[in-house]
Amino acid sequence: MLVSKENKKAFAGFAEKWGKTLPPARPSRGDLKVYDRHIEELPFRPRNALVLGATPEIRDLLARKKIQVTISDFNINMIKAMSLLCKTKSKERILLANWMKKFTDDKFDLILSDAGLNMLNWKDWEKTLGNIRDMLTPRGYVLQKIAFYDKKRGKMNSLEIIKKWRAKKLRTPDMRWFLEMYSDYGVYDRKSMIDSKVKLLAGFEKSYKNGDLRDKEWEIVKRYDDKVVMTVPSKNKVNGIIKKYFRIVRVTAGEDFLYCQDMPVYLLKRKRDL
């Protein structure tokens, strides 16, 4: 996709930030291995794929497999920014769209999204899942990474999480996820199912001021300032709403981080095809 020289500089700001972002905000290597393995194990070779969002790693994966890619996102600037990070050249089609509404008559062998549903309000999940089902070919499959809240984990003490991270018993993405979802920071609201990154940064800052985070550690965690708000339902809620439209063929977590267990990749088949 071509962009003007002026825009390229502006979009590079988004791209640079993404390039420095750690999982789970972007796919981990383990996530990408799961996507790749599931695609390779499909009973047919997909001709085309729809990507909900503009995740460059997924687009590169599909391009390497010579699968025709269509991108659908709300924000053209984000698409252009993420396109700067794609490493494999391919001709992609772009659809600016509201996922809750029908935005194409085309059908796809494969529909993918990396935590795209988590970017929507809970009330919009069902309509979006219905639209995803309707855009599949009869033989089509869905690959969706979905974050959920695991009630079994329970509350964790933030200082203990930081100490485990400092002792290298937890990697940075796991430290960040556990502080965000399960700690006394109060970032995640179980009732509203809302996860606010603004509150996460406030929690980090409080830990720094309390002396729980050292100067260099504070510099590391300050990067989590994306101000993204996510909807993170319980595992039961996620599975319940999915089963209205799809059969869950497989749920596979990446193996490189502990948090991946809370953010696995779902392989889905249209329910009406059963």
C-alpha atoms as a PDB file:
ATOM      1  CA  MET A   1       0.000   0.000   0.000  1.00  0.00           C
ATOM      2  CA  LEU A   2       1.395   3.411  -0.963  1.00  0.00           C
ATOM      3  CA  VAL A   3       1.416   6.390   1.413  1.00  0.00           C
ATOM      4  CA  SER A   4       2.632   9.950   0.923  1.00  0.00           C
ATOM      5  CA  LYS A   5       6.023  11.023   2.321  1.00  0.00           C
ATOM      6  CA  GLU A   6       4.268  13.363   4.741  1.00  0.00           C
ATOM      7  CA  ASN A   7       1.955  10.669   6.053  1.00  0.00           C
ATOM      8  CA  LYS A   8       4.710   8.107   6.242  1.00  0.00           C
ATOM      9  CA  LYS A   9       6.507  10.177   8.871  1.00  0.00           C
ATOM     10  CA  ALA A  10       3.337  10.555  10.929  1.00  0.00           C
ATOM     11  CA  PHE A  11       2.446   6.877  10.670  1.00  0.00           C
ATOM     12  CA  ALA A  12       5.990   5.925  11.655  1.00  0.00           C
ATOM     13  CA  GLY A  13       5.192   7.238  15.135  1.00  0.00           C
ATOM     14  CA  PHE A  14       2.554   4.547  15.542  1.00  0.00           C
ATOM     15  CA  ALA A  15       4.818   1.950  13.996  1.00  0.00           C
ATOM     16  CA  GLU A  16       7.779   2.805  16.219  1.00  0.00           C
ATOM     17  CA  LYS A  17       5.637   2.508  19.320  1.00  0.00           C
ATOM     18  CA  TRP A  18       4.315  -0.878  18.171  1.00  0.00           C
ATOM     19  CA  GLY A  19       7.822  -2.040  17.408  1.00  0.00           C
ATOM     20  CA  LYS A  20       8.832  -1.381  21.017  1.00  0.00           C
ATOM     21  CA  THR A  21       5.677  -2.873  22.511  1.00  0.00           C
ATOM     22  CA  LEU A  22       5.900  -6.192  24.332  1.00  0.00           C
ATOM     23  CA  PRO A  23       3.299  -8.980  24.394  1.00  0.00           C
ATOM     24  CA  PRO A  24       0.489  -9.343  25.297  1.00  0.00           C
ATOM     25  CA  ALA A  25      -0.276  -6.030  23.569  1.00  0.00           C
ATOM     26  CA  ARG A  26       1.062  -7.634  20.383  1.00  0.00           C
ATOM     27  CA  PRO A  27       1.273 -11.326  19.407  1.00  0.00           C
ATOM     28  CA  SER A  28       4.041 -13.336  21.028  1.00  0.00           C
ATOM     29  CA  ARG A  29       6.165 -15.777  19.065  1.00  0.00           C
ATOM     30  CA  GLY A  30       4.198 -18.556  20.715  1.00  0.00           C
ATOM     31  CA  ASP A  31       0.915 -17.022  19.530  1.00  0.00           C
ATOM     32  CA  LEU A  32       2.213 -16.866  15.973  1.00  0.00           C
ATOM     33  CA  LYS A  33       3.292 -20.508  16.123  1.00  0.00           C
ATOM     34  CA  VAL A  34      -0.256 -21.408  17.171  1.00  0.00           C
ATOM     35  CA  TYR A  35      -1.766 -19.412  14.283  1.00  0.00           C
ATOM     36  CA  ASP A  36       0.675 -21.006  11.857  1.00  0.00           C
ATOM     37  CA  ARG A  37       0.070 -24.555  13.077  1.00  0.00           C
ATOM     38  CA  HIS A  38      -3.711 -24.222  12.946  1.00  0.00           C
ATOM     39  CA  ILE A  39      -3.621 -22.870   9.395  1.00  0.00           C
ATOM     40  CA  GLU A  40      -1.318 -25.676   8.281  1.00  0.00           C
ATOM     41  CA  GLU A  41      -3.591 -28.284   9.860  1.00  0.00           C
ATOM     42  CA  LEU A  42      -6.788 -27.083   8.174  1.00  0.00           C
ATOM     43  CA  PRO A  43      -8.367 -29.711   5.880  1.00  0.00           C
ATOM     44  CA  PHE A  44      -7.894 -27.382   2.892  1.00  0.00           C
ATOM     45  CA  ARG A  45      -5.647 -24.536   1.776  1.00  0.00           C
ATOM     46  CA  PRO A  46      -7.443 -21.198   2.374  1.00  0.00           C
ATOM     47  CA  ARG A  47      -7.780 -19.027  -0.700  1.00  0.00           C
ATOM     48  CA  ASN A  48      -8.488 -15.808   1.135  1.00  0.00           C
ATOM     49  CA  ALA A  49      -8.545 -14.403   4.660  1.00  0.00           C
ATOM     50  CA  LEU A  50     -10.113 -11.479   6.462  1.00  0.00           C
ATOM     51  CA  VAL A  51      -8.070  -9.881   9.244  1.00  0.00           C
ATOM     52  CA  LEU A  52     -10.104  -7.907  11.782  1.00  0.00           C
ATOM     53  CA  GLY A  53      -7.632  -5.243  12.790  1.00  0.00           C
ATOM     54  CA  ALA A  54      -4.272  -4.505  11.205  1.00  0.00           C
ATOM     55  CA  THR A  55      -1.836  -6.681  13.169  1.00  0.00           C
ATOM     56  CA  PRO A  56       1.287  -6.806  10.949  1.00  0.00           C
ATOM     57  CA  GLU A  57       2.536 -10.168  12.256  1.00  0.00           C
ATOM     58  CA  ILE A  58      -0.674 -11.907  11.186  1.00  0.00           C
ATOM     59  CA  ARG A  59      -0.655 -10.203   7.801  1.00  0.00           C
ATOM     60  CA  ASP A  60       2.951 -11.306   7.250  1.00  0.00           C
ATOM     61  CA  LEU A  61       2.070 -14.884   8.191  1.00  0.00           C
ATOM     62  CA  LEU A  62      -0.767 -14.975   5.658  1.00  0.00           C
ATOM     63  CA  ALA A  63       1.334 -13.291   2.967  1.00  0.00           C
ATOM     64  CA  ARG A  64       4.059 -15.916   3.326  1.00  0.00           C
ATOM     65  CA  LYS A  65       1.408 -18.561   2.760  1.00  0.00           C
ATOM     66  CA  LYS A  66       0.218 -16.776  -0.405  1.00  0.00           C
ATOM     67  CA  ILE A  67      -3.258 -16.258   1.061  1.00  0.00           C
ATOM     68  CA  GLN A  68      -5.114 -13.226  -0.286  1.00  0.00           C
ATOM     69  CA  VAL A  69      -5.634 -10.784   2.589  1.00  0.00           C
ATOM     70  CA  THR A  70      -8.408  -8.293   3.284  1.00  0.00           C
ATOM     71  CA  ILE A  71      -7.983  -5.952   6.257  1.00  0.00           C
ATOM     72  CA  SER A  72     -10.915  -4.462   8.129  1.00  0.00           C
ATOM     73  CA  ASP A  73     -10.376  -1.799  10.767  1.00  0.00           C
ATOM     74  CA  PHE A  74     -12.097   1.324  12.059  1.00  0.00           C
ATOM     75  CA  ASN A  75      -9.044   3.565  11.657  1.00  0.00           C
ATOM     76  CA  ILE A  76      -7.220   4.152   8.368  1.00  0.00           C
ATOM     77  CA  ASN A  77      -4.279   5.781  10.199  1.00  0.00           C
ATOM     78  CA  MET A  78      -3.715   2.641  12.240  1.00  0.00           C
ATOM     79  CA  ILE A  79      -3.845   0.487   9.108  1.00  0.00           C
ATOM     80  CA  LYS A  80      -1.230   2.671   7.418  1.00  0.00           C
ATOM     81  CA  ALA A  81       0.959   2.708  10.511  1.00  0.00           C
ATOM     82  CA  MET A  82       0.843  -1.056  10.927  1.00  0.00           C
ATOM     83  CA  SER A  83       1.487  -1.503   7.198  1.00  0.00           C
ATOM     84  CA  LEU A  84       4.898   0.074   7.683  1.00  0.00           C
ATOM     85  CA  LEU A  85       5.803  -2.876   9.914  1.00  0.00           C
ATOM     86  CA  CYS A  86       4.794  -5.600   7.465  1.00  0.00           C
ATOM     87  CA  LYS A  87       7.888  -7.451   6.277  1.00  0.00           C
ATOM     88  CA  THR A  88       6.337  -9.466   3.444  1.00  0.00           C
ATOM     89  CA  LYS A  89       5.042  -7.637   0.411  1.00  0.00           C
ATOM     90  CA  SER A  90       1.537  -8.526  -0.720  1.00  0.00           C
ATOM     91  CA  LYS A  91      -1.487  -6.932  -2.342  1.00  0.00           C
ATOM     92  CA  GLU A  92      -4.013  -6.349   0.406  1.00  0.00           C
ATOM     93  CA  ARG A  93      -7.531  -5.000   0.218  1.00  0.00           C
ATOM     94  CA  ILE A  94      -8.628  -2.519   2.867  1.00  0.00           C
ATOM     95  CA  LEU A  95     -12.154  -2.169   4.220  1.00  0.00           C
ATOM     96  CA  LEU A  96     -12.894   0.628   6.682  1.00  0.00           C
ATOM     97  CA  ALA A  97     -15.784  -0.789   8.636  1.00  0.00           C
ATOM     98  CA  ASN A  98     -17.817  -1.104  11.781  1.00  0.00           C
ATOM     99  CA  TRP A  99     -17.614  -4.816  12.637  1.00  0.00           C
ATOM    100  CA  MET A 100     -21.062  -4.725  14.210  1.00  0.00           C
ATOM    101  CA  LYS A 101     -22.603  -4.008  10.803  1.00  0.00           C
ATOM    102  CA  LYS A 102     -22.496  -5.926   7.551  1.00  0.00           C
ATOM    103  CA  PHE A 103     -19.654  -4.381   5.561  1.00  0.00           C
ATOM    104  CA  THR A 104     -19.084  -6.797   2.673  1.00  0.00           C
ATOM    105  CA  ASP A 105     -20.865  -9.464   0.674  1.00  0.00           C
ATOM    106  CA  ASP A 106     -17.607 -11.362   0.209  1.00  0.00           C
ATOM    107  CA  LYS A 107     -17.027 -14.711   1.891  1.00  0.00           C
ATOM    108  CA  PHE A 108     -13.736 -15.822   3.413  1.00  0.00           C
ATOM    109  CA  ASP A 109     -12.100 -19.187   4.026  1.00  0.00           C
ATOM    110  CA  LEU A 110     -10.403 -17.798   7.115  1.00  0.00           C
ATOM    111  CA  ILE A 111     -11.155 -14.923   9.490  1.00  0.00           C
ATOM    112  CA  LEU A 112      -8.529 -13.925  12.038  1.00  0.00           C
ATOM    113  CA  SER A 113      -8.175 -11.413  14.838  1.00  0.00           C
ATOM    114  CA  ASP A 114      -5.630 -10.886  17.589  1.00  0.00           C
ATOM    115  CA  ALA A 115      -7.770  -9.877  20.595  1.00  0.00           C
ATOM    116  CA  GLY A 116     -10.027  -7.827  18.324  1.00  0.00           C
ATOM    117  CA  LEU A 117     -13.168  -8.767  20.232  1.00  0.00           C
ATOM    118  CA  ASN A 118     -11.588  -7.479  23.439  1.00  0.00           C
ATOM    119  CA  MET A 119     -11.489  -4.005  21.897  1.00  0.00           C
ATOM    120  CA  LEU A 120     -15.293  -3.921  21.686  1.00  0.00           C
ATOM    121  CA  ASN A 121     -17.972  -3.248  24.271  1.00  0.00           C
ATOM    122  CA  TRP A 122     -19.451  -6.491  25.608  1.00  0.00           C
ATOM    123  CA  LYS A 123     -22.856  -5.617  24.139  1.00  0.00           C
ATOM    124  CA  ASP A 124     -21.286  -5.623  20.664  1.00  0.00           C
ATOM    125  CA  TRP A 125     -19.671  -9.065  20.857  1.00  0.00           C
ATOM    126  CA  GLU A 126     -22.738 -11.044  19.866  1.00  0.00           C
ATOM    127  CA  LYS A 127     -23.523  -8.961  16.768  1.00  0.00           C
ATOM    128  CA  THR A 128     -19.883  -9.062  15.711  1.00  0.00           C
ATOM    129  CA  LEU A 129     -19.680 -12.842  16.107  1.00  0.00           C
ATOM    130  CA  GLY A 130     -22.844 -13.197  14.030  1.00  0.00           C
ATOM    131  CA  ASN A 131     -21.304 -11.067  11.273  1.00  0.00           C
ATOM    132  CA  ILE A 132     -18.095 -13.093  11.384  1.00  0.00           C
ATOM    133  CA  ARG A 133     -20.092 -16.311  10.969  1.00  0.00           C
ATOM    134  CA  ASP A 134     -22.011 -14.865   8.016  1.00  0.00           C
ATOM    135  CA  MET A 135     -18.793 -13.838   6.228  1.00  0.00           C
ATOM    136  CA  LEU A 136     -17.348 -17.363   6.281  1.00  0.00           C
ATOM    137  CA  THR A 137     -17.471 -19.695   3.317  1.00  0.00           C
ATOM    138  CA  PRO A 138     -19.237 -22.997   4.100  1.00  0.00           C
ATOM    139  CA  ARG A 139     -15.851 -24.623   4.652  1.00  0.00           C
ATOM    140  CA  GLY A 140     -14.416 -21.627   6.507  1.00  0.00           C
ATOM    141  CA  TYR A 141     -12.738 -21.373   9.910  1.00  0.00           C
ATOM    142  CA  VAL A 142     -12.122 -18.610  12.442  1.00  0.00           C
ATOM    143  CA  LEU A 143      -8.912 -18.017  14.381  1.00  0.00           C
ATOM    144  CA  GLN A 144      -9.414 -15.585  17.248  1.00  0.00           C
ATOM    145  CA  LYS A 145      -7.103 -14.839  20.131  1.00  0.00           C
ATOM    146  CA  ILE A 146      -9.357 -13.835  23.026  1.00  0.00           C
ATOM    147  CA  ALA A 147      -8.384 -12.582  26.469  1.00  0.00           C
ATOM    148  CA  PHE A 148     -10.473 -13.715  29.402  1.00  0.00           C
ATOM    149  CA  TYR A 149     -10.437 -13.348  33.187  1.00  0.00           C
ATOM    150  CA  ASP A 150      -9.623 -16.568  35.038  1.00  0.00           C
ATOM    151  CA  LYS A 151     -11.484 -16.630  38.359  1.00  0.00           C
ATOM    152  CA  LYS A 152      -9.242 -19.454  39.561  1.00  0.00           C
ATOM    153  CA  ARG A 153      -6.202 -17.197  39.770  1.00  0.00           C
ATOM    154  CA  GLY A 154      -7.602 -15.022  42.558  1.00  0.00           C
ATOM    155  CA  LYS A 155      -6.070 -11.830  43.895  1.00  0.00           C
ATOM    156  CA  MET A 156      -2.290 -11.404  43.909  1.00  0.00           C
ATOM    157  CA  ASN A 157      -0.175  -9.009  45.967  1.00  0.00           C
ATOM    158  CA  SER A 158       1.428  -6.407  43.703  1.00  0.00           C
ATOM    159  CA  LEU A 159       4.686  -6.210  45.657  1.00  0.00           C
ATOM    160  CA  GLU A 160       5.079 -10.003  45.517  1.00  0.00           C
ATOM    161  CA  ILE A 161       4.532  -9.911  41.734  1.00  0.00           C
ATOM    162  CA  ILE A 162       7.192  -7.202  41.390  1.00  0.00           C
ATOM    163  CA  LYS A 163       9.623  -9.168  43.577  1.00  0.00           C
ATOM    164  CA  LYS A 164       9.159 -12.293  41.428  1.00  0.00           C
ATOM    165  CA  TRP A 165       9.779 -10.196  38.308  1.00  0.00           C
ATOM    166  CA  ARG A 166      12.899  -8.667  39.856  1.00  0.00           C
ATOM    167  CA  ALA A 167      14.153 -12.156  40.739  1.00  0.00           C
ATOM    168  CA  LYS A 168      13.467 -13.209  37.109  1.00  0.00           C
ATOM    169  CA  LYS A 169      10.836 -15.700  38.221  1.00  0.00           C
ATOM    170  CA  LEU A 170       8.376 -13.753  36.069  1.00  0.00           C
ATOM    171  CA  ARG A 171       9.041 -12.286  32.638  1.00  0.00           C
ATOM    172  CA  THR A 172       8.007  -8.690  31.955  1.00  0.00           C
ATOM    173  CA  PRO A 173       4.817  -9.509  29.962  1.00  0.00           C
ATOM    174  CA  ASP A 174       3.635 -11.856  32.729  1.00  0.00           C
ATOM    175  CA  MET A 175       4.403  -9.303  35.433  1.00  0.00           C
ATOM    176  CA  ARG A 176       2.452  -6.699  33.544  1.00  0.00           C
ATOM    177  CA  TRP A 177      -0.563  -8.987  32.914  1.00  0.00           C
ATOM    178  CA  PHE A 178      -0.838 -10.226  36.502  1.00  0.00           C
ATOM    179  CA  LEU A 179      -0.584  -6.677  37.884  1.00  0.00           C
ATOM    180  CA  GLU A 180      -3.175  -5.560  35.378  1.00  0.00           C
ATOM    181  CA  MET A 181      -5.728  -8.323  35.874  1.00  0.00           C
ATOM    182  CA  TYR A 182      -5.270  -9.875  39.307  1.00  0.00           C
ATOM    183  CA  SER A 183      -3.410  -7.538  41.661  1.00  0.00           C
ATOM    184  CA  ASP A 184      -4.420  -4.972  44.266  1.00  0.00           C
ATOM    185  CA  TYR A 185      -3.810  -2.239  41.648  1.00  0.00           C
ATOM    186  CA  GLY A 186      -7.537  -2.445  40.901  1.00  0.00           C
ATOM    187  CA  VAL A 187      -7.035  -2.038  37.149  1.00  0.00           C
ATOM    188  CA  TYR A 188      -9.613  -4.634  36.165  1.00  0.00           C
ATOM    189  CA  ASP A 189     -13.260  -4.300  37.198  1.00  0.00           C
ATOM    190  CA  ARG A 190     -14.897  -7.744  37.328  1.00  0.00           C
ATOM    191  CA  LYS A 191     -18.404  -6.262  37.333  1.00  0.00           C
ATOM    192  CA  SER A 192     -18.012  -4.085  34.227  1.00  0.00           C
ATOM    193  CA  MET A 193     -15.391  -6.452  32.698  1.00  0.00           C
ATOM    194  CA  ILE A 194     -13.349  -3.354  31.811  1.00  0.00           C
ATOM    195  CA  ASP A 195      -9.548  -3.346  31.882  1.00  0.00           C
ATOM    196  CA  SER A 196      -8.077   0.184  31.825  1.00  0.00           C
ATOM    197  CA  LYS A 197      -4.418   0.694  30.952  1.00  0.00           C
ATOM    198  CA  VAL A 198      -4.610   4.212  32.417  1.00  0.00           C
ATOM    199  CA  LYS A 199      -5.160   2.614  35.837  1.00  0.00           C
ATOM    200  CA  LEU A 200      -2.277   0.232  35.182  1.00  0.00           C
ATOM    201  CA  LEU A 201       0.147   3.107  34.663  1.00  0.00           C
ATOM    202  CA  ALA A 202      -1.232   4.807  37.783  1.00  0.00           C
ATOM    203  CA  GLY A 203      -0.552   1.611  39.712  1.00  0.00           C
ATOM    204  CA  PHE A 204       3.017   1.463  38.415  1.00  0.00           C
ATOM    205  CA  GLU A 205       3.546   5.099  39.394  1.00  0.00           C
ATOM    206  CA  LYS A 206       2.224   4.466  42.893  1.00  0.00           C
ATOM    207  CA  SER A 207       4.588   1.500  43.272  1.00  0.00           C
ATOM    208  CA  TYR A 208       7.462   3.720  42.144  1.00  0.00           C
ATOM    209  CA  LYS A 209       6.606   6.464  44.610  1.00  0.00           C
ATOM    210  CA  ASN A 210       6.281   3.874  47.385  1.00  0.00           C
ATOM    211  CA  GLY A 211       9.748   2.575  46.583  1.00  0.00           C
ATOM    212  CA  ASP A 212       8.507  -0.804  45.339  1.00  0.00           C
ATOM    213  CA  LEU A 213       9.882  -0.059  41.861  1.00  0.00           C
ATOM    214  CA  ARG A 214      13.445   1.111  41.302  1.00  0.00           C
ATOM    215  CA  ASP A 215      14.375   3.889  38.839  1.00  0.00           C
ATOM    216  CA  LYS A 216      15.391   1.547  36.034  1.00  0.00           C
ATOM    217  CA  GLU A 217      12.311  -0.623  36.612  1.00  0.00           C
ATOM    218  CA  TRP A 218      10.075   2.432  36.461  1.00  0.00           C
ATOM    219  CA  GLU A 219      11.625   3.338  33.112  1.00  0.00           C
ATOM    220  CA  ILE A 220      10.736  -0.139  31.810  1.00  0.00           C
ATOM    221  CA  VAL A 221       7.114  -0.141  32.932  1.00  0.00           C
ATOM    222  CA  LYS A 222       6.398   3.452  31.855  1.00  0.00           C
ATOM    223  CA  ARG A 223       6.096   2.194  28.292  1.00  0.00           C
ATOM    224  CA  TYR A 224       2.637   0.839  29.164  1.00  0.00           C
ATOM    225  CA  ASP A 225       0.962   4.167  28.503  1.00  0.00           C
ATOM    226  CA  ASP A 226      -1.220   3.216  25.543  1.00  0.00           C
ATOM    227  CA  LYS A 227      -4.449   4.195  27.347  1.00  0.00           C
ATOM    228  CA  VAL A 228      -6.238   1.259  25.741  1.00  0.00           C
ATOM    229  CA  VAL A 229      -9.468   0.043  27.338  1.00  0.00           C
ATOM    230  CA  MET A 230     -10.315  -3.631  26.895  1.00  0.00           C
ATOM    231  CA  THR A 231     -13.354  -5.764  27.637  1.00  0.00           C
ATOM    232  CA  VAL A 232     -12.175  -8.950  29.346  1.00  0.00           C
ATOM    233  CA  PRO A 233     -15.068 -11.302  30.197  1.00  0.00           C
ATOM    234  CA  SER A 234     -14.756 -14.435  32.287  1.00  0.00           C
ATOM    235  CA  LYS A 235     -13.811 -17.658  30.524  1.00  0.00           C
ATOM    236  CA  ASN A 236     -17.378 -18.964  30.939  1.00  0.00           C
ATOM    237  CA  LYS A 237     -18.853 -15.831  29.349  1.00  0.00           C
ATOM    238  CA  VAL A 238     -16.450 -16.036  26.409  1.00  0.00           C
ATOM    239  CA  ASN A 239     -17.216 -19.699  25.739  1.00  0.00           C
ATOM    240  CA  GLY A 240     -20.945 -19.165  26.227  1.00  0.00           C
ATOM    241  CA  ILE A 241     -21.305 -16.425  23.634  1.00  0.00           C
ATOM    242  CA  ILE A 242     -19.020 -18.169  21.126  1.00  0.00           C
ATOM    243  CA  LYS A 243     -21.087 -21.362  21.291  1.00  0.00           C
ATOM    244  CA  LYS A 244     -24.168 -19.469  20.088  1.00  0.00           C
ATOM    245  CA  TYR A 245     -22.571 -19.165  16.652  1.00  0.00           C
ATOM    246  CA  PHE A 246     -19.653 -21.577  16.445  1.00  0.00           C
ATOM    247  CA  ARG A 247     -18.359 -24.949  17.416  1.00  0.00           C
ATOM    248  CA  ILE A 248     -15.128 -24.626  19.365  1.00  0.00           C
ATOM    249  CA  VAL A 249     -12.756 -26.951  17.518  1.00  0.00           C
ATOM    250  CA  ARG A 250      -9.705 -26.245  19.625  1.00  0.00           C
ATOM    251  CA  VAL A 251      -8.362 -23.743  22.150  1.00  0.00           C
ATOM    252  CA  THR A 252      -4.575 -23.451  22.158  1.00  0.00           C
ATOM    253  CA  ALA A 253      -2.373 -21.171  24.249  1.00  0.00           C
ATOM    254  CA  GLY A 254       1.086 -20.024  23.271  1.00  0.00           C
ATOM    255  CA  GLU A 255       3.846 -21.609  25.294  1.00  0.00           C
ATOM    256  CA  ASP A 256       6.266 -18.722  25.737  1.00  0.00           C
ATOM    257  CA  PHE A 257       4.484 -16.798  28.532  1.00  0.00           C
ATOM    258  CA  LEU A 258       2.294 -17.650  31.525  1.00  0.00           C
ATOM    259  CA  TYR A 259      -0.315 -15.050  30.536  1.00  0.00           C
ATOM    260  CA  CYS A 260      -0.993 -16.974  27.314  1.00  0.00           C
ATOM    261  CA  GLN A 261      -3.243 -19.295  29.316  1.00  0.00           C
ATOM    262  CA  ASP A 262      -5.564 -16.290  29.776  1.00  0.00           C
ATOM    263  CA  MET A 263      -5.298 -15.276  26.121  1.00  0.00           C
ATOM    264  CA  PRO A 264      -5.472 -18.432  23.976  1.00  0.00           C
ATOM    265  CA  VAL A 265      -6.230 -18.796  20.281  1.00  0.00           C
ATOM    266  CA  TYR A 266      -9.670 -20.209  19.476  1.00  0.00           C
ATOM    267  CA  LEU A 267     -10.171 -22.288  16.338  1.00  0.00           C
ATOM    268  CA  LEU A 268     -13.855 -22.096  15.419  1.00  0.00           C
ATOM    269  CA  LYS A 269     -16.189 -23.653  12.849  1.00  0.00           C
ATOM    270  CA  ARG A 270     -19.596 -22.288  11.872  1.00  0.00           C
ATOM    271  CA  LYS A 271     -22.289 -23.907  13.991  1.00  0.00           C
ATOM    272  CA  ARG A 272     -24.682 -24.349  11.102  1.00  0.00           C
ATOM    273  CA  ASP A 273     -22.077 -26.569   9.405  1.00  0.00           C
ATOM    274  CA  LEU A 274     -22.378 -29.252  12.092  1.00  0.00           C
END
